[in-house]
Amino acid sequence: MKNVTFRVEDDKLIEKARLKARSLNRSLNDLFLDWLKTLSNDNSKNLNYEEYISKFKHIKIDRTFSRNEMNER
């Protein structure tokens, strides 16, 4: 097991991240590991779509977007 150290200039950022992780019933370490796995995944065939989408169930969109809105840059 490797330890990783990050330097964060804003202490409030860490606290906000911990609160967010707690609200998701996860630890900050768990979320970091998920991010690291996603970042290092160079083969999209290994990506389990259902598992990936299930991580974002907490996001709710309360309206539909028009074609122009979706293609807006």
C-alpha atoms as a PDB file:
ATOM      1  CA  MET A   1       0.000   0.000   0.000  1.00  0.00           C
ATOM      2  CA  LYS A   2       1.300   3.445  -0.942  1.00  0.00           C
ATOM      3  CA  ASN A   3       0.601   6.671   0.882  1.00  0.00           C
ATOM      4  CA  VAL A   4      -0.062   9.786  -1.153  1.00  0.00           C
ATOM      5  CA  THR A   5       0.256  13.308   0.194  1.00  0.00           C
ATOM      6  CA  PHE A   6      -1.445  16.331  -1.312  1.00  0.00           C
ATOM      7  CA  ARG A   7      -0.886  19.965  -0.548  1.00  0.00           C
ATOM      8  CA  VAL A   8      -4.068  22.018  -0.410  1.00  0.00           C
ATOM      9  CA  GLU A   9      -3.867  25.776   0.018  1.00  0.00           C
ATOM     10  CA  ASP A  10      -7.452  26.170   1.262  1.00  0.00           C
ATOM     11  CA  ASP A  11      -8.367  24.295   4.463  1.00  0.00           C
ATOM     12  CA  LYS A  12     -12.046  24.937   3.779  1.00  0.00           C
ATOM     13  CA  LEU A  13     -11.778  22.922   0.564  1.00  0.00           C
ATOM     14  CA  ILE A  14     -10.794  19.800   2.488  1.00  0.00           C
ATOM     15  CA  GLU A  15     -13.604  20.293   4.987  1.00  0.00           C
ATOM     16  CA  LYS A  16     -16.148  20.788   2.182  1.00  0.00           C
ATOM     17  CA  ALA A  17     -14.869  17.625   0.472  1.00  0.00           C
ATOM     18  CA  ARG A  18     -15.154  15.659   3.721  1.00  0.00           C
ATOM     19  CA  LEU A  19     -18.710  16.880   4.241  1.00  0.00           C
ATOM     20  CA  LYS A  20     -19.607  15.939   0.679  1.00  0.00           C
ATOM     21  CA  ALA A  21     -18.073  12.483   1.103  1.00  0.00           C
ATOM     22  CA  ARG A  22     -19.948  12.032   4.376  1.00  0.00           C
ATOM     23  CA  SER A  23     -23.222  13.006   2.696  1.00  0.00           C
ATOM     24  CA  LEU A  24     -22.558  10.241   0.141  1.00  0.00           C
ATOM     25  CA  ASN A  25     -21.812   7.788   2.976  1.00  0.00           C
ATOM     26  CA  ARG A  26     -18.263   7.456   1.670  1.00  0.00           C
ATOM     27  CA  SER A  27     -14.856   8.432   2.933  1.00  0.00           C
ATOM     28  CA  LEU A  28     -12.640  10.953   1.225  1.00  0.00           C
ATOM     29  CA  ASN A  29     -10.144   8.143   0.714  1.00  0.00           C
ATOM     30  CA  ASP A  30     -12.781   6.002  -1.075  1.00  0.00           C
ATOM     31  CA  LEU A  31     -13.672   8.866  -3.395  1.00  0.00           C
ATOM     32  CA  PHE A  32     -10.006   9.480  -4.132  1.00  0.00           C
ATOM     33  CA  LEU A  33      -9.490   5.804  -5.000  1.00  0.00           C
ATOM     34  CA  ASP A  34     -12.502   5.899  -7.344  1.00  0.00           C
ATOM     35  CA  TRP A  35     -11.075   8.990  -9.016  1.00  0.00           C
ATOM     36  CA  LEU A  36      -7.644   7.390  -9.324  1.00  0.00           C
ATOM     37  CA  LYS A  37      -9.100   4.239 -10.901  1.00  0.00           C
ATOM     38  CA  THR A  38     -11.102   6.315 -13.371  1.00  0.00           C
ATOM     39  CA  LEU A  39      -8.096   8.449 -14.224  1.00  0.00           C
ATOM     40  CA  SER A  40      -5.847   5.443 -14.793  1.00  0.00           C
ATOM     41  CA  ASN A  41      -8.410   3.540 -16.871  1.00  0.00           C
ATOM     42  CA  ASP A  42      -6.930   3.733 -20.366  1.00  0.00           C
ATOM     43  CA  ASN A  43      -9.126   0.999 -21.780  1.00  0.00           C
ATOM     44  CA  SER A  44     -12.779   2.042 -21.984  1.00  0.00           C
ATOM     45  CA  LYS A  45     -13.818  -1.583 -22.590  1.00  0.00           C
ATOM     46  CA  ASN A  46     -13.089  -2.220 -18.909  1.00  0.00           C
ATOM     47  CA  LEU A  47     -15.554   0.469 -17.866  1.00  0.00           C
ATOM     48  CA  ASN A  48     -18.715  -0.999 -16.371  1.00  0.00           C
ATOM     49  CA  TYR A  49     -21.358   1.444 -17.592  1.00  0.00           C
ATOM     50  CA  GLU A  50     -24.040   0.486 -15.060  1.00  0.00           C
ATOM     51  CA  GLU A  51     -21.639   0.804 -12.148  1.00  0.00           C
ATOM     52  CA  TYR A  52     -20.334   4.130 -13.442  1.00  0.00           C
ATOM     53  CA  ILE A  53     -23.832   5.605 -13.904  1.00  0.00           C
ATOM     54  CA  SER A  54     -24.962   4.375 -10.477  1.00  0.00           C
ATOM     55  CA  LYS A  55     -22.351   6.690  -8.903  1.00  0.00           C
ATOM     56  CA  PHE A  56     -24.302   9.676 -10.207  1.00  0.00           C
ATOM     57  CA  LYS A  57     -27.809   8.709  -9.048  1.00  0.00           C
ATOM     58  CA  HIS A  58     -27.757  11.622  -6.622  1.00  0.00           C
ATOM     59  CA  ILE A  59     -27.800  14.076  -9.559  1.00  0.00           C
ATOM     60  CA  LYS A  60     -31.318  15.090 -10.520  1.00  0.00           C
ATOM     61  CA  ILE A  61     -32.276  17.041 -13.631  1.00  0.00           C
ATOM     62  CA  ASP A  62     -35.705  18.563 -13.268  1.00  0.00           C
ATOM     63  CA  ARG A  63     -36.247  19.603 -16.868  1.00  0.00           C
ATOM     64  CA  THR A  64     -35.494  18.572 -20.418  1.00  0.00           C
ATOM     65  CA  PHE A  65     -33.139  20.559 -22.558  1.00  0.00           C
ATOM     66  CA  SER A  66     -33.786  21.644 -26.119  1.00  0.00           C
ATOM     67  CA  ARG A  67     -31.533  20.478 -28.911  1.00  0.00           C
ATOM     68  CA  ASN A  68     -30.004  23.954 -29.164  1.00  0.00           C
ATOM     69  CA  GLU A  69     -29.285  24.036 -25.415  1.00  0.00           C
ATOM     70  CA  MET A  70     -27.609  20.640 -25.506  1.00  0.00           C
ATOM     71  CA  ASN A  71     -25.426  21.648 -28.434  1.00  0.00           C
ATOM     72  CA  GLU A  72     -24.588  25.099 -27.118  1.00  0.00           C
ATOM     73  CA  ARG A  73     -20.867  25.758 -26.801  1.00  0.00           C
END
